[in-house]
Structure formats: C-alpha cells, structure tokens
C-alpha atoms as a PDB file:
ATOM      1  CA  UNK A   1     229.208 193.868  55.656  1.00  0.00           C
ATOM      2  CA  UNK A   2     232.311 195.953  56.139  1.00  0.00           C
ATOM      3  CA  UNK A   3     233.375 198.185  53.301  1.00  0.00           C
ATOM      4  CA  UNK A   4     230.072 198.021  51.449  1.00  0.00           C
ATOM      5  CA  UNK A   5     228.449 201.483  51.084  1.00  0.00           C
ATOM      6  CA  UNK A   6     224.843 201.408  49.981  1.00  0.00           C
ATOM      7  CA  UNK A   7     223.864 204.812  51.330  1.00  0.00           C
ATOM      8  CA  UNK A   8     222.706 205.804  47.813  1.00  0.00           C
ATOM      9  CA  UNK A   9     219.929 203.170  47.887  1.00  0.00           C
ATOM     10  CA  UNK A  10     217.240 205.090  49.839  1.00  0.00           C
ATOM     11  CA  UNK A  11     217.042 207.584  46.964  1.00  0.00           C
ATOM     12  CA  UNK A  12     216.939 204.771  44.470  1.00  0.00           C
ATOM     13  CA  UNK A  13     214.227 203.058  46.540  1.00  0.00           C
ATOM     14  CA  UNK A  14     212.152 206.244  46.572  1.00  0.00           C
ATOM     15  CA  UNK A  15     212.567 206.387  42.807  1.00  0.00           C
ATOM     16  CA  UNK A  16     211.351 202.785  42.460  1.00  0.00           C
ATOM     17  CA  UNK A  17     208.312 203.631  44.651  1.00  0.00           C
ATOM     18  CA  UNK A  18     207.557 206.764  42.494  1.00  0.00           C
ATOM     19  CA  UNK A  19     207.845 204.674  39.367  1.00  0.00           C
ATOM     20  CA  UNK A  20     205.485 202.004  40.751  1.00  0.00           C
ATOM     21  CA  UNK A  21     202.933 204.751  41.613  1.00  0.00           C
ATOM     22  CA  UNK A  22     203.212 206.219  38.075  1.00  0.00           C
ATOM     23  CA  UNK A  23     202.871 202.772  36.491  1.00  0.00           C
ATOM     24  CA  UNK A  24     199.872 201.900  38.711  1.00  0.00           C
ATOM     25  CA  UNK A  25     198.127 205.182  37.816  1.00  0.00           C
ATOM     26  CA  UNK A  26     198.838 204.772  34.138  1.00  0.00           C
ATOM     27  CA  UNK A  27     197.703 201.150  34.309  1.00  0.00           C
ATOM     28  CA  UNK A  28     194.382 202.245  35.858  1.00  0.00           C
ATOM     29  CA  UNK A  29     193.907 204.786  33.099  1.00  0.00           C
ATOM     30  CA  UNK A  30     194.710 202.198  30.454  1.00  0.00           C
ATOM     31  CA  UNK A  31     192.201 199.716  31.648  1.00  0.00           C
ATOM     32  CA  UNK A  32     189.532 202.426  31.920  1.00  0.00           C
ATOM     33  CA  UNK A  33     190.238 203.105  28.249  1.00  0.00           C
ATOM     34  CA  UNK A  34     190.012 199.425  27.503  1.00  0.00           C
ATOM     35  CA  UNK A  35     193.710 199.249  26.467  1.00  0.00           C
ATOM     36  CA  UNK A  36     194.264 195.810  27.945  1.00  0.00           C
ATOM     37  CA  UNK A  37     197.736 195.201  26.434  1.00  0.00           C
ATOM     38  CA  UNK A  38     199.018 198.540  27.775  1.00  0.00           C
ATOM     39  CA  UNK A  39     197.406 197.774  31.170  1.00  0.00           C
ATOM     40  CA  UNK A  40     199.256 194.414  31.243  1.00  0.00           C
ATOM     41  CA  UNK A  41     202.632 195.976  30.520  1.00  0.00           C
ATOM     42  CA  UNK A  42     202.072 198.806  33.006  1.00  0.00           C
ATOM     43  CA  UNK A  43     201.022 196.439  35.790  1.00  0.00           C
ATOM     44  CA  UNK A  44     203.946 194.146  35.220  1.00  0.00           C
ATOM     45  CA  UNK A  45     206.189 197.253  35.304  1.00  0.00           C
ATOM     46  CA  UNK A  46     204.624 198.393  38.593  1.00  0.00           C
ATOM     47  CA  UNK A  47     205.259 194.936  40.007  1.00  0.00           C
ATOM     48  CA  UNK A  48     208.895 194.998  38.733  1.00  0.00           C
ATOM     49  CA  UNK A  49     209.417 198.401  40.247  1.00  0.00           C
ATOM     50  CA  UNK A  50     208.027 197.340  43.571  1.00  0.00           C
ATOM     51  CA  UNK A  51     210.116 194.103  43.417  1.00  0.00           C
ATOM     52  CA  UNK A  52     213.311 196.018  42.710  1.00  0.00           C
ATOM     53  CA  UNK A  53     212.427 198.389  45.563  1.00  0.00           C
ATOM     54  CA  UNK A  54     212.096 195.408  47.907  1.00  0.00           C
ATOM     55  CA  UNK A  55     215.435 193.870  46.894  1.00  0.00           C
ATOM     56  CA  UNK A  56     217.199 197.184  47.303  1.00  0.00           C
ATOM     57  CA  UNK A  57     215.444 197.959  50.594  1.00  0.00           C
ATOM     58  CA  UNK A  58     216.482 194.580  52.010  1.00  0.00           C
ATOM     59  CA  UNK A  59     220.103 195.035  50.868  1.00  0.00           C
ATOM     60  CA  UNK A  60     220.334 198.526  52.330  1.00  0.00           C
ATOM     61  CA  UNK A  61     218.948 197.463  55.730  1.00  0.00           C
ATOM     62  CA  UNK A  62     221.089 194.345  55.821  1.00  0.00           C
ATOM     63  CA  UNK A  63     224.226 196.483  55.386  1.00  0.00           C
ATOM     64  CA  UNK A  64     223.279 199.694  57.191  1.00  0.00           C
ATOM     65  CA  UNK A  65     220.475 198.748  59.619  1.00  0.00           C
ATOM     66  CA  UNK A  66     217.517 200.978  60.420  1.00  0.00           C
ATOM     67  CA  UNK A  67     217.437 204.757  59.969  1.00  0.00           C
ATOM     68  CA  UNK A  68     215.677 206.544  62.779  1.00  0.00           C
ATOM     69  CA  UNK A  69     213.681 209.698  62.427  1.00  0.00           C
ATOM     70  CA  UNK A  70     215.823 212.420  63.996  1.00  0.00           C
ATOM     71  CA  UNK A  71     213.057 215.034  64.515  1.00  0.00           C
ATOM     72  CA  UNK A  72     210.621 215.197  67.334  1.00  0.00           C
ATOM     73  CA  UNK A  73     207.272 216.530  68.388  1.00  0.00           C
ATOM     74  CA  UNK A  74     204.187 216.481  66.137  1.00  0.00           C
ATOM     75  CA  UNK A  75     206.259 215.728  62.999  1.00  0.00           C
ATOM     76  CA  UNK A  76     207.646 212.543  64.581  1.00  0.00           C
ATOM     77  CA  UNK A  77     204.112 211.381  65.410  1.00  0.00           C
ATOM     78  CA  UNK A  78     203.053 212.092  61.824  1.00  0.00           C
ATOM     79  CA  UNK A  79     206.059 210.269  60.512  1.00  0.00           C
ATOM     80  CA  UNK A  80     205.504 207.236  62.718  1.00  0.00           C
ATOM     81  CA  UNK A  81     201.793 207.130  61.790  1.00  0.00           C
ATOM     82  CA  UNK A  82     202.586 207.178  58.077  1.00  0.00           C
ATOM     83  CA  UNK A  83     205.367 204.585  58.547  1.00  0.00           C
ATOM     84  CA  UNK A  84     203.121 202.247  60.560  1.00  0.00           C
ATOM     85  CA  UNK A  85     200.329 202.371  57.936  1.00  0.00           C
ATOM     86  CA  UNK A  86     202.811 201.997  55.115  1.00  0.00           C
ATOM     87  CA  UNK A  87     204.463 198.835  56.679  1.00  0.00           C
ATOM     88  CA  UNK A  88     201.106 197.301  57.668  1.00  0.00           C
ATOM     89  CA  UNK A  89     199.507 197.803  54.266  1.00  0.00           C
ATOM     90  CA  UNK A  90     202.704 196.760  52.411  1.00  0.00           C
ATOM     91  CA  UNK A  91     202.178 193.187  53.767  1.00  0.00           C
ATOM     92  CA  UNK A  92     199.196 192.868  51.384  1.00  0.00           C
ATOM     93  CA  UNK A  93     200.856 194.119  48.156  1.00  0.00           C
ATOM     94  CA  UNK A  94     202.943 191.102  47.065  1.00  0.00           C
ATOM     95  CA  UNK A  95     200.316 188.416  47.794  1.00  0.00           C
ATOM     96  CA  UNK A  96     197.561 190.631  46.431  1.00  0.00           C
ATOM     97  CA  UNK A  97     199.470 191.411  43.201  1.00  0.00           C
ATOM     98  CA  UNK A  98     200.338 187.684  42.789  1.00  0.00           C
ATOM     99  CA  UNK A  99     196.697 186.794  43.222  1.00  0.00           C
ATOM    100  CA  UNK A 100     195.601 189.469  40.726  1.00  0.00           C
ATOM    101  CA  UNK A 101     198.201 188.282  38.214  1.00  0.00           C
ATOM    102  CA  UNK A 102     196.978 184.692  38.690  1.00  0.00           C
ATOM    103  CA  UNK A 103     193.329 185.553  38.042  1.00  0.00           C
ATOM    104  CA  UNK A 104     194.294 187.670  35.026  1.00  0.00           C
ATOM    105  CA  UNK A 105     196.418 184.861  33.677  1.00  0.00           C
ATOM    106  CA  UNK A 106     193.525 182.443  34.140  1.00  0.00           C
ATOM    107  CA  UNK A 107     191.162 184.990  32.508  1.00  0.00           C
ATOM    108  CA  UNK A 108     189.050 185.054  35.607  1.00  0.00           C
ATOM    109  CA  UNK A 109     188.486 188.753  35.257  1.00  0.00           C
ATOM    110  CA  UNK A 110     185.597 188.981  37.689  1.00  0.00           C
ATOM    111  CA  UNK A 111     187.893 187.612  40.479  1.00  0.00           C
ATOM    112  CA  UNK A 112     190.728 189.798  39.172  1.00  0.00           C
ATOM    113  CA  UNK A 113     188.512 192.898  39.538  1.00  0.00           C
ATOM    114  CA  UNK A 114     187.461 191.896  43.045  1.00  0.00           C
ATOM    115  CA  UNK A 115     191.111 191.622  44.162  1.00  0.00           C
ATOM    116  CA  UNK A 116     192.228 194.769  42.382  1.00  0.00           C
ATOM    117  CA  UNK A 117     189.384 196.844  43.799  1.00  0.00           C
ATOM    118  CA  UNK A 118     191.059 196.751  47.207  1.00  0.00           C
ATOM    119  CA  UNK A 119     194.617 196.077  46.075  1.00  0.00           C
ATOM    120  CA  UNK A 120     195.012 199.111  43.732  1.00  0.00           C
ATOM    121  CA  UNK A 121     194.412 201.812  46.377  1.00  0.00           C
ATOM    122  CA  UNK A 122     196.549 199.921  48.962  1.00  0.00           C
ATOM    123  CA  UNK A 123     199.418 199.433  46.471  1.00  0.00           C
ATOM    124  CA  UNK A 124     199.231 203.122  45.360  1.00  0.00           C
ATOM    125  CA  UNK A 125     199.193 204.283  49.001  1.00  0.00           C
ATOM    126  CA  UNK A 126     202.177 202.139  49.876  1.00  0.00           C
ATOM    127  CA  UNK A 127     204.108 203.385  46.815  1.00  0.00           C
ATOM    128  CA  UNK A 128     203.336 207.083  47.493  1.00  0.00           C
ATOM    129  CA  UNK A 129     203.977 206.922  51.213  1.00  0.00           C
ATOM    130  CA  UNK A 130     207.260 205.205  50.513  1.00  0.00           C
ATOM    131  CA  UNK A 131     208.365 208.396  48.757  1.00  0.00           C
ATOM    132  CA  UNK A 132     206.928 210.570  51.554  1.00  0.00           C
ATOM    133  CA  UNK A 133     208.824 208.545  54.154  1.00  0.00           C
ATOM    134  CA  UNK A 134     212.060 208.981  52.298  1.00  0.00           C
ATOM    135  CA  UNK A 135     211.626 212.806  52.188  1.00  0.00           C
ATOM    136  CA  UNK A 136     210.451 212.960  55.804  1.00  0.00           C
ATOM    137  CA  UNK A 137     213.480 210.912  56.948  1.00  0.00           C
ATOM    138  CA  UNK A 138     215.916 212.968  54.920  1.00  0.00           C
ATOM    139  CA  UNK A 139     214.424 216.198  56.189  1.00  0.00           C
ATOM    140  CA  UNK A 140     214.834 215.065  59.753  1.00  0.00           C
ATOM    141  CA  UNK A 141     218.509 214.172  59.452  1.00  0.00           C
ATOM    142  CA  UNK A 142     221.384 216.669  59.921  1.00  0.00           C
ATOM    143  CA  UNK A 143     223.216 217.662  56.733  1.00  0.00           C
ATOM    144  CA  UNK A 144     226.189 215.465  55.856  1.00  0.00           C
ATOM    145  CA  UNK A 145     229.229 217.374  54.626  1.00  0.00           C
END
C-alpha cells in the first residue's frame, strides 16, 4: 500500500509482547494465590495483548514485507534459531488459549489445567522471544538518519 508508513509498528509489537509476558506472569502468580478473578482478568488481558500484536504484525508485514537480519556469523545463527522456535511454537498459542478459555468457561478446571500446563510456558516463551527478536533485528540493522 503506497503512502502508508507503519514502520513504528515493530516497537509497538514488541511492547504488546512484553505486556503479554507481564500479564501471563501476573496471571500465574494470581492463580497460585487463589485470586481467580484477578487471574481471569490478567489472562484475558494477555490474550488481548497477543491479539493486538497479531493484528499489528500482519498489518506491518502486509505493507512493508519481511525484515531480514542484517548481521552474520554466529549471531545470525542464534537469531534464526530463536526465530524458528518462536514461529513454530506461536502456532499453538491461539488454539491453546481458546481451548483453555473454553474449559475455564465450562468450569472444567481439570481440563483447563491440563491445557495450561503446556500452554503457559509456550505462550510465555513466544511473548518473550518476540521482544528478543525485535531487539536482535534492530541491533543488526544500520542506523537510519
């Protein structure tokens, strides 16, 4: 789309990922403290942050295409490894979160716990590595005047 400049979105996306990670962590702490209502709000907030990330990510890439890692050597290998694991694991976040929400809504908390036992670390990893990828990409690019 000519004339549309969304180059500010990668920083916004990293912020959404960081927020999601913070909400996920706070939600885990809340449920450990038996604060169910707080846990519910925090998990919905984590899902909203991740959802906003996804919308902005798609908009950015629709307008600007892919951003390639400009560095080389070992750091490029590290970057590509993190990116590959991030992308692969991100495929499980939305369906896993929807399944967890469904079981919680149905008050099937045993099933909810079974899903979230594997979903929580995956979602947290995806959120944190999203921020790491942003900084690795930015660090590899030449400075823009």
